[in-house]
Structure formats: C-alpha cells, structure tokens
PDB file of N, CA and C in Angstrom:
ATOM      1  N   MET A   1       0.861  -1.182   0.000  1.00  0.00           N
ATOM      2  CA  MET A   1       0.000   0.000   0.000  1.00  0.00           C
ATOM      3  C   MET A   1       0.898   1.234   0.000  1.00  0.00           C
ATOM      4  N   PRO A   2       0.533   2.261  -0.759  1.00  0.00           N
ATOM      5  CA  PRO A   2       1.338   3.483  -0.781  1.00  0.00           C
ATOM      6  C   PRO A   2       1.429   4.137   0.600  1.00  0.00           C
ATOM      7  N   LEU A   3       2.522   4.817   0.811  1.00  0.00           N
ATOM      8  CA  LEU A   3       2.809   5.508   2.063  1.00  0.00           C
ATOM      9  C   LEU A   3       2.905   7.001   1.762  1.00  0.00           C
ATOM     10  N   PHE A   4       2.252   7.810   2.589  1.00  0.00           N
ATOM     11  CA  PHE A   4       2.228   9.264   2.383  1.00  0.00           C
ATOM     12  C   PHE A   4       2.654   9.989   3.643  1.00  0.00           C
ATOM     13  N   MET A   5       3.296  11.139   3.450  1.00  0.00           N
ATOM     14  CA  MET A   5       3.583  12.072   4.544  1.00  0.00           C
ATOM     15  C   MET A   5       2.789  13.323   4.236  1.00  0.00           C
ATOM     16  N   ASP A   6       1.903  13.696   5.165  1.00  0.00           N
ATOM     17  CA  ASP A   6       1.204  14.948   4.946  1.00  0.00           C
ATOM     18  C   ASP A   6       1.741  16.016   5.878  1.00  0.00           C
ATOM     19  N   VAL A   7       1.656  17.248   5.411  1.00  0.00           N
ATOM     20  CA  VAL A   7       2.247  18.381   6.118  1.00  0.00           C
ATOM     21  C   VAL A   7       1.158  19.416   6.388  1.00  0.00           C
ATOM     22  N   HIS A   8       0.991  19.712   7.647  1.00  0.00           N
ATOM     23  CA  HIS A   8       0.086  20.783   8.073  1.00  0.00           C
ATOM     24  C   HIS A   8       0.992  21.977   8.371  1.00  0.00           C
ATOM     25  N   GLU A   9       1.026  22.926   7.465  1.00  0.00           N
ATOM     26  CA  GLU A   9       1.994  24.028   7.544  1.00  0.00           C
ATOM     27  C   GLU A   9       1.645  25.076   8.584  1.00  0.00           C
ATOM     28  N   GLU A  10       0.378  25.169   8.951  1.00  0.00           N
ATOM     29  CA  GLU A  10       0.010  26.165   9.946  1.00  0.00           C
ATOM     30  C   GLU A  10      -1.207  25.678  10.731  1.00  0.00           C
ATOM     31  N   LEU A  11      -0.927  25.090  11.885  1.00  0.00           N
ATOM     32  CA  LEU A  11      -2.007  24.652  12.767  1.00  0.00           C
ATOM     33  C   LEU A  11      -2.751  25.884  13.287  1.00  0.00           C
ATOM     34  N   PRO A  12      -3.983  25.710  13.726  1.00  0.00           N
ATOM     35  CA  PRO A  12      -4.721  26.849  14.285  1.00  0.00           C
ATOM     36  C   PRO A  12      -3.956  27.486  15.443  1.00  0.00           C
ATOM     37  N   GLU A  13      -4.073  28.780  15.577  1.00  0.00           N
ATOM     38  CA  GLU A  13      -3.440  29.524  16.665  1.00  0.00           C
ATOM     39  C   GLU A  13      -3.778  28.872  17.994  1.00  0.00           C
ATOM     40  N   GLY A  14      -2.768  28.618  18.812  1.00  0.00           N
ATOM     41  CA  GLY A  14      -2.973  28.034  20.132  1.00  0.00           C
ATOM     42  C   GLY A  14      -3.068  26.521  20.153  1.00  0.00           C
ATOM     43  N   ALA A  15      -3.000  25.867  18.979  1.00  0.00           N
ATOM     44  CA  ALA A  15      -3.072  24.401  18.946  1.00  0.00           C
ATOM     45  C   ALA A  15      -1.884  23.801  19.694  1.00  0.00           C
ATOM     46  N   THR A  16      -2.144  22.752  20.451  1.00  0.00           N
ATOM     47  CA  THR A  16      -1.114  22.101  21.264  1.00  0.00           C
ATOM     48  C   THR A  16      -0.880  20.674  20.772  1.00  0.00           C
ATOM     49  N   VAL A  17       0.155  20.059  21.305  1.00  0.00           N
ATOM     50  CA  VAL A  17       0.417  18.653  21.019  1.00  0.00           C
ATOM     51  C   VAL A  17      -0.794  17.814  21.416  1.00  0.00           C
ATOM     52  N   ALA A  18      -1.418  18.154  22.523  1.00  0.00           N
ATOM     53  CA  ALA A  18      -2.615  17.420  22.972  1.00  0.00           C
ATOM     54  C   ALA A  18      -3.758  17.560  21.967  1.00  0.00           C
ATOM     55  N   ASP A  19      -3.903  18.727  21.370  1.00  0.00           N
ATOM     56  CA  ASP A  19      -4.939  18.925  20.352  1.00  0.00           C
ATOM     57  C   ASP A  19      -4.688  18.036  19.140  1.00  0.00           C
ATOM     58  N   VAL A  20      -3.426  17.960  18.730  1.00  0.00           N
ATOM     59  CA  VAL A  20      -3.085  17.117  17.578  1.00  0.00           C
ATOM     60  C   VAL A  20      -3.305  15.642  17.926  1.00  0.00           C
ATOM     61  N   ALA A  21      -2.974  15.250  19.141  1.00  0.00           N
ATOM     62  CA  ALA A  21      -3.223  13.867  19.579  1.00  0.00           C
ATOM     63  C   ALA A  21      -4.712  13.548  19.497  1.00  0.00           C
ATOM     64  N   GLN A  22      -5.549  14.486  19.891  1.00  0.00           N
ATOM     65  CA  GLN A  22      -6.997  14.285  19.827  1.00  0.00           C
ATOM     66  C   GLN A  22      -7.451  14.158  18.373  1.00  0.00           C
ATOM     67  N   ALA A  23      -6.909  14.982  17.489  1.00  0.00           N
ATOM     68  CA  ALA A  23      -7.244  14.897  16.062  1.00  0.00           C
ATOM     69  C   ALA A  23      -6.798  13.548  15.494  1.00  0.00           C
ATOM     70  N   HIS A  24      -5.617  13.094  15.911  1.00  0.00           N
ATOM     71  CA  HIS A  24      -5.111  11.796  15.449  1.00  0.00           C
ATOM     72  C   HIS A  24      -6.063  10.674  15.878  1.00  0.00           C
ATOM     73  N   GLU A  25      -6.526  10.726  17.098  1.00  0.00           N
ATOM     74  CA  GLU A  25      -7.472   9.706  17.579  1.00  0.00           C
ATOM     75  C   GLU A  25      -8.759   9.726  16.761  1.00  0.00           C
ATOM     76  N   ALA A  26      -9.201  10.908  16.357  1.00  0.00           N
ATOM     77  CA  ALA A  26     -10.391  11.010  15.513  1.00  0.00           C
ATOM     78  C   ALA A  26     -10.130  10.365  14.152  1.00  0.00           C
ATOM     79  N   ASP A  27      -8.908  10.561  13.607  1.00  0.00           N
ATOM     80  CA  ASP A  27      -8.532   9.908  12.346  1.00  0.00           C
ATOM     81  C   ASP A  27      -8.593   8.388  12.503  1.00  0.00           C
ATOM     82  N   VAL A  28      -7.979   7.889  13.555  1.00  0.00           N
ATOM     83  CA  VAL A  28      -7.907   6.447  13.792  1.00  0.00           C
ATOM     84  C   VAL A  28      -9.312   5.851  13.934  1.00  0.00           C
ATOM     85  N   ALA A  29     -10.216   6.608  14.530  1.00  0.00           N
ATOM     86  CA  ALA A  29     -11.575   6.109  14.753  1.00  0.00           C
ATOM     87  C   ALA A  29     -12.318   5.825  13.450  1.00  0.00           C
ATOM     88  N   ILE A  30     -11.970   6.530  12.360  1.00  0.00           N
ATOM     89  CA  ILE A  30     -12.713   6.327  11.104  1.00  0.00           C
ATOM     90  C   ILE A  30     -11.851   5.821   9.953  1.00  0.00           C
ATOM     91  N   GLN A  31     -10.561   5.664  10.177  1.00  0.00           N
ATOM     92  CA  GLN A  31      -9.649   5.343   9.074  1.00  0.00           C
ATOM     93  C   GLN A  31     -10.013   4.063   8.322  1.00  0.00           C
ATOM     94  N   GLU A  32     -10.494   3.064   9.019  1.00  0.00           N
ATOM     95  CA  GLU A  32     -10.806   1.780   8.392  1.00  0.00           C
ATOM     96  C   GLU A  32     -11.867   1.925   7.300  1.00  0.00           C
ATOM     97  N   LYS A  33     -12.768   2.850   7.498  1.00  0.00           N
ATOM     98  CA  LYS A  33     -13.847   3.113   6.538  1.00  0.00           C
ATOM     99  C   LYS A  33     -13.289   3.435   5.141  1.00  0.00           C
ATOM    100  N   TYR A  34     -12.063   4.001   5.095  1.00  0.00           N
ATOM    101  CA  TYR A  34     -11.454   4.420   3.832  1.00  0.00           C
ATOM    102  C   TYR A  34     -10.225   3.588   3.452  1.00  0.00           C
ATOM    103  N   GLY A  35      -9.967   2.513   4.179  1.00  0.00           N
ATOM    104  CA  GLY A  35      -8.813   1.668   3.881  1.00  0.00           C
ATOM    105  C   GLY A  35      -7.491   2.346   4.181  1.00  0.00           C
ATOM    106  N   VAL A  36      -7.486   3.198   5.191  1.00  0.00           N
ATOM    107  CA  VAL A  36      -6.337   4.034   5.553  1.00  0.00           C
ATOM    108  C   VAL A  36      -5.815   3.612   6.917  1.00  0.00           C
ATOM    109  N   THR A  37      -4.504   3.735   7.123  1.00  0.00           N
ATOM    110  CA  THR A  37      -3.912   3.511   8.443  1.00  0.00           C
ATOM    111  C   THR A  37      -2.956   4.654   8.758  1.00  0.00           C
ATOM    112  N   TYR A  38      -3.345   5.485   9.708  1.00  0.00           N
ATOM    113  CA  TYR A  38      -2.446   6.546  10.183  1.00  0.00           C
ATOM    114  C   TYR A  38      -1.439   5.898  11.117  1.00  0.00           C
ATOM    115  N   ARG A  39      -0.156   5.948  10.725  1.00  0.00           N
ATOM    116  CA  ARG A  39       0.888   5.217  11.443  1.00  0.00           C
ATOM    117  C   ARG A  39       1.572   6.031  12.526  1.00  0.00           C
ATOM    118  N   ALA A  40       1.791   7.306  12.293  1.00  0.00           N
ATOM    119  CA  ALA A  40       2.502   8.140  13.278  1.00  0.00           C
ATOM    120  C   ALA A  40       2.258   9.601  12.933  1.00  0.00           C
ATOM    121  N   TYR A  41       2.547  10.466  13.885  1.00  0.00           N
ATOM    122  CA  TYR A  41       2.487  11.903  13.613  1.00  0.00           C
ATOM    123  C   TYR A  41       3.550  12.599  14.451  1.00  0.00           C
ATOM    124  N   TRP A  42       3.926  13.779  14.011  1.00  0.00           N
ATOM    125  CA  TRP A  42       4.905  14.613  14.699  1.00  0.00           C
ATOM    126  C   TRP A  42       4.354  16.024  14.746  1.00  0.00           C
ATOM    127  N   VAL A  43       4.689  16.736  15.808  1.00  0.00           N
ATOM    128  CA  VAL A  43       4.203  18.100  15.997  1.00  0.00           C
ATOM    129  C   VAL A  43       5.375  18.996  16.374  1.00  0.00           C
ATOM    130  N   ASP A  44       5.440  20.156  15.734  1.00  0.00           N
ATOM    131  CA  ASP A  44       6.357  21.223  16.141  1.00  0.00           C
ATOM    132  C   ASP A  44       5.457  22.356  16.617  1.00  0.00           C
ATOM    133  N   GLU A  45       5.174  22.333  17.905  1.00  0.00           N
ATOM    134  CA  GLU A  45       4.225  23.280  18.478  1.00  0.00           C
ATOM    135  C   GLU A  45       4.679  24.720  18.293  1.00  0.00           C
ATOM    136  N   SER A  46       5.977  24.984  18.424  1.00  0.00           N
ATOM    137  CA  SER A  46       6.474  26.363  18.339  1.00  0.00           C
ATOM    138  C   SER A  46       6.297  26.959  16.940  1.00  0.00           C
ATOM    139  N   SER A  47       6.387  26.140  15.895  1.00  0.00           N
ATOM    140  CA  SER A  47       6.190  26.665  14.538  1.00  0.00           C
ATOM    141  C   SER A  47       4.794  26.335  13.990  1.00  0.00           C
ATOM    142  N   ARG A  48       3.957  25.690  14.829  1.00  0.00           N
ATOM    143  CA  ARG A  48       2.572  25.356  14.474  1.00  0.00           C
ATOM    144  C   ARG A  48       2.496  24.454  13.246  1.00  0.00           C
ATOM    145  N   LYS A  49       3.378  23.449  13.201  1.00  0.00           N
ATOM    146  CA  LYS A  49       3.387  22.492  12.096  1.00  0.00           C
ATOM    147  C   LYS A  49       3.138  21.082  12.637  1.00  0.00           C
ATOM    148  N   ALA A  50       2.530  20.254  11.782  1.00  0.00           N
ATOM    149  CA  ALA A  50       2.338  18.837  12.120  1.00  0.00           C
ATOM    150  C   ALA A  50       2.566  18.023  10.856  1.00  0.00           C
ATOM    151  N   PHE A  51       2.989  16.785  11.064  1.00  0.00           N
ATOM    152  CA  PHE A  51       3.301  15.863   9.976  1.00  0.00           C
ATOM    153  C   PHE A  51       2.672  14.522  10.316  1.00  0.00           C
ATOM    154  N   CYS A  52       2.020  13.911   9.342  1.00  0.00           N
ATOM    155  CA  CYS A  52       1.356  12.631   9.566  1.00  0.00           C
ATOM    156  C   CYS A  52       1.860  11.608   8.554  1.00  0.00           C
ATOM    157  N   LEU A  53       2.193  10.426   9.031  1.00  0.00           N
ATOM    158  CA  LEU A  53       2.593   9.320   8.167  1.00  0.00           C
ATOM    159  C   LEU A  53       1.405   8.379   8.059  1.00  0.00           C
ATOM    160  N   VAL A  54       1.010   8.093   6.808  1.00  0.00           N
ATOM    161  CA  VAL A  54      -0.233   7.356   6.596  1.00  0.00           C
ATOM    162  C   VAL A  54      -0.104   6.393   5.427  1.00  0.00           C
ATOM    163  N   GLU A  55      -0.601   5.181   5.626  1.00  0.00           N
ATOM    164  CA  GLU A  55      -0.751   4.232   4.527  1.00  0.00           C
ATOM    165  C   GLU A  55      -2.162   4.426   3.988  1.00  0.00           C
ATOM    166  N   ALA A  56      -2.266   4.576   2.671  1.00  0.00           N
ATOM    167  CA  ALA A  56      -3.574   4.814   2.073  1.00  0.00           C
ATOM    168  C   ALA A  56      -3.563   4.346   0.628  1.00  0.00           C
ATOM    169  N   PRO A  57      -4.726   3.978   0.106  1.00  0.00           N
ATOM    170  CA  PRO A  57      -4.789   3.565  -1.292  1.00  0.00           C
ATOM    171  C   PRO A  57      -4.364   4.695  -2.235  1.00  0.00           C
ATOM    172  N   ASP A  58      -4.635   5.952  -1.806  1.00  0.00           N
ATOM    173  CA  ASP A  58      -4.224   7.123  -2.579  1.00  0.00           C
ATOM    174  C   ASP A  58      -4.276   8.345  -1.662  1.00  0.00           C
ATOM    175  N   ALA A  59      -3.735   9.449  -2.133  1.00  0.00           N
ATOM    176  CA  ALA A  59      -3.690  10.664  -1.316  1.00  0.00           C
ATOM    177  C   ALA A  59      -5.092  11.143  -0.954  1.00  0.00           C
ATOM    178  N   GLU A  60      -6.022  11.022  -1.878  1.00  0.00           N
ATOM    179  CA  GLU A  60      -7.387  11.503  -1.626  1.00  0.00           C
ATOM    180  C   GLU A  60      -8.039  10.777  -0.449  1.00  0.00           C
ATOM    181  N   ALA A  61      -7.773   9.484  -0.289  1.00  0.00           N
ATOM    182  CA  ALA A  61      -8.336   8.745   0.847  1.00  0.00           C
ATOM    183  C   ALA A  61      -7.795   9.296   2.164  1.00  0.00           C
ATOM    184  N   ALA A  62      -6.505   9.595   2.206  1.00  0.00           N
ATOM    185  CA  ALA A  62      -5.908  10.162   3.421  1.00  0.00           C
ATOM    186  C   ALA A  62      -6.517  11.534   3.721  1.00  0.00           C
ATOM    187  N   ILE A  63      -6.681  12.342   2.697  1.00  0.00           N
ATOM    188  CA  ILE A  63      -7.273  13.672   2.867  1.00  0.00           C
ATOM    189  C   ILE A  63      -8.708  13.558   3.360  1.00  0.00           C
ATOM    190  N   THR A  64      -9.447  12.612   2.825  1.00  0.00           N
ATOM    191  CA  THR A  64     -10.842  12.427   3.208  1.00  0.00           C
ATOM    192  C   THR A  64     -10.971  12.092   4.690  1.00  0.00           C
ATOM    193  N   VAL A  65     -10.074  11.260   5.210  1.00  0.00           N
ATOM    194  CA  VAL A  65     -10.122  10.918   6.638  1.00  0.00           C
ATOM    195  C   VAL A  65      -9.936  12.172   7.481  1.00  0.00           C
ATOM    196  N   HIS A  66      -8.921  12.978   7.180  1.00  0.00           N
ATOM    197  CA  HIS A  66      -8.713  14.225   7.942  1.00  0.00           C
ATOM    198  C   HIS A  66      -9.947  15.124   7.850  1.00  0.00           C
ATOM    199  N   ARG A  67     -10.469  15.283   6.650  1.00  0.00           N
ATOM    200  CA  ARG A  67     -11.614  16.183   6.443  1.00  0.00           C
ATOM    201  C   ARG A  67     -12.820  15.728   7.274  1.00  0.00           C
ATOM    202  N   GLU A  68     -13.105  14.438   7.232  1.00  0.00           N
ATOM    203  CA  GLU A  68     -14.274  13.923   7.942  1.00  0.00           C
ATOM    204  C   GLU A  68     -14.055  13.870   9.459  1.00  0.00           C
ATOM    205  N   ALA A  69     -12.846  13.522   9.873  1.00  0.00           N
ATOM    206  CA  ALA A  69     -12.581  13.324  11.308  1.00  0.00           C
ATOM    207  C   ALA A  69     -12.541  14.641  12.082  1.00  0.00           C
ATOM    208  N   HIS A  70     -11.934  15.671  11.503  1.00  0.00           N
ATOM    209  CA  HIS A  70     -11.758  16.914  12.269  1.00  0.00           C
ATOM    210  C   HIS A  70     -11.644  18.176  11.424  1.00  0.00           C
ATOM    211  N   GLY A  71     -11.565  18.040  10.115  1.00  0.00           N
ATOM    212  CA  GLY A  71     -11.537  19.205   9.240  1.00  0.00           C
ATOM    213  C   GLY A  71     -10.178  19.843   9.018  1.00  0.00           C
ATOM    214  N   LEU A  72      -9.151  19.345   9.683  1.00  0.00           N
ATOM    215  CA  LEU A  72      -7.802  19.918   9.524  1.00  0.00           C
ATOM    216  C   LEU A  72      -7.070  19.202   8.393  1.00  0.00           C
ATOM    217  N   VAL A  73      -7.350  19.605   7.179  1.00  0.00           N
ATOM    218  CA  VAL A  73      -6.765  18.980   5.999  1.00  0.00           C
ATOM    219  C   VAL A  73      -5.333  19.486   5.823  1.00  0.00           C
ATOM    220  N   ALA A  74      -4.438  18.594   5.454  1.00  0.00           N
ATOM    221  CA  ALA A  74      -3.028  18.951   5.257  1.00  0.00           C
ATOM    222  C   ALA A  74      -2.873  19.931   4.104  1.00  0.00           C
ATOM    223  N   ASP A  75      -1.834  20.755   4.195  1.00  0.00           N
ATOM    224  CA  ASP A  75      -1.524  21.703   3.129  1.00  0.00           C
ATOM    225  C   ASP A  75      -0.819  21.016   1.964  1.00  0.00           C
ATOM    226  N   LYS A  76      -0.025  19.995   2.288  1.00  0.00           N
ATOM    227  CA  LYS A  76       0.708  19.244   1.266  1.00  0.00           C
ATOM    228  C   LYS A  76       0.694  17.778   1.645  1.00  0.00           C
ATOM    229  N   ILE A  77       0.761  16.913   0.630  1.00  0.00           N
ATOM    230  CA  ILE A  77       0.865  15.484   0.879  1.00  0.00           C
ATOM    231  C   ILE A  77       1.812  14.902  -0.158  1.00  0.00           C
ATOM    232  N   TYR A  78       2.741  14.085   0.312  1.00  0.00           N
ATOM    233  CA  TYR A  78       3.780  13.513  -0.549  1.00  0.00           C
ATOM    234  C   TYR A  78       3.738  11.987  -0.450  1.00  0.00           C
ATOM    235  N   GLU A  79       3.841  11.326  -1.571  1.00  0.00           N
ATOM    236  CA  GLU A  79       4.030   9.876  -1.529  1.00  0.00           C
ATOM    237  C   GLU A  79       5.502   9.641  -1.212  1.00  0.00           C
ATOM    238  N   VAL A  80       5.785   8.801  -0.228  1.00  0.00           N
ATOM    239  CA  VAL A  80       7.151   8.576   0.234  1.00  0.00           C
ATOM    240  C   VAL A  80       7.471   7.095   0.271  1.00  0.00           C
ATOM    241  N   ALA A  81       8.756   6.796   0.306  1.00  0.00           N
ATOM    242  CA  ALA A  81       9.244   5.427   0.493  1.00  0.00           C
ATOM    243  C   ALA A  81      10.016   5.407   1.798  1.00  0.00           C
ATOM    244  N   GLN A  82       9.755   4.417   2.622  1.00  0.00           N
ATOM    245  CA  GLN A  82      10.408   4.330   3.929  1.00  0.00           C
ATOM    246  C   GLN A  82      11.815   3.763   3.766  1.00  0.00           C
ATOM    247  N   GLY A  83      12.780   4.437   4.362  1.00  0.00           N
ATOM    248  CA  GLY A  83      14.153   3.949   4.392  1.00  0.00           C
ATOM    249  C   GLY A  83      14.401   3.165   5.664  1.00  0.00           C
ATOM    250  N   VAL A  84      15.590   2.647   5.767  1.00  0.00           N
ATOM    251  CA  VAL A  84      15.949   1.837   6.937  1.00  0.00           C
ATOM    252  C   VAL A  84      16.683   2.686   7.951  1.00  0.00           C
TER     253      VAL A  84
END
C-alpha cells in the first residue's frame, strides 16, 4: 500500500500537542472506513506544524479521513518510500 507524509503548515493559533493527539485519535476512529492507516504523527508546536505518516490507497483517501474526522486537511501530501 502506498505511504504518504502529509504536512500541516500552519495549525490553528494556540493548537497544542494534545490537540493534535486528539485529532489523530479522531482519524484512527474512522480510518478503516477508507482503507487508511495513520501510522505516526509529529508536531512542532512552536512553529505550528504537524506531519502525519499514513498508509492509504491514494492521497485523496488520506485527505478524506482528515476532512471527515476533524476538518484539519493537510496543506501538502507527498508519496514517500520508507528507508531503513
């Protein structure tokens, strides 16, 4: 299954790591519906950025999960290959 890294370039003002964790849980709650698996996420609270690693049939499926779960759609999404 393809692997994607999505980039949230500007989280809402005041968003915290805990807020992103809550959004991630919302993604996980519905991901199966779209054949998606959110594997990990990273947050840079000081620069208001977040990054999500997701297995999905295509980029649109990953975007759909974010949109439906919490509305925080990534600004960019890249298909990536995992290194060792």
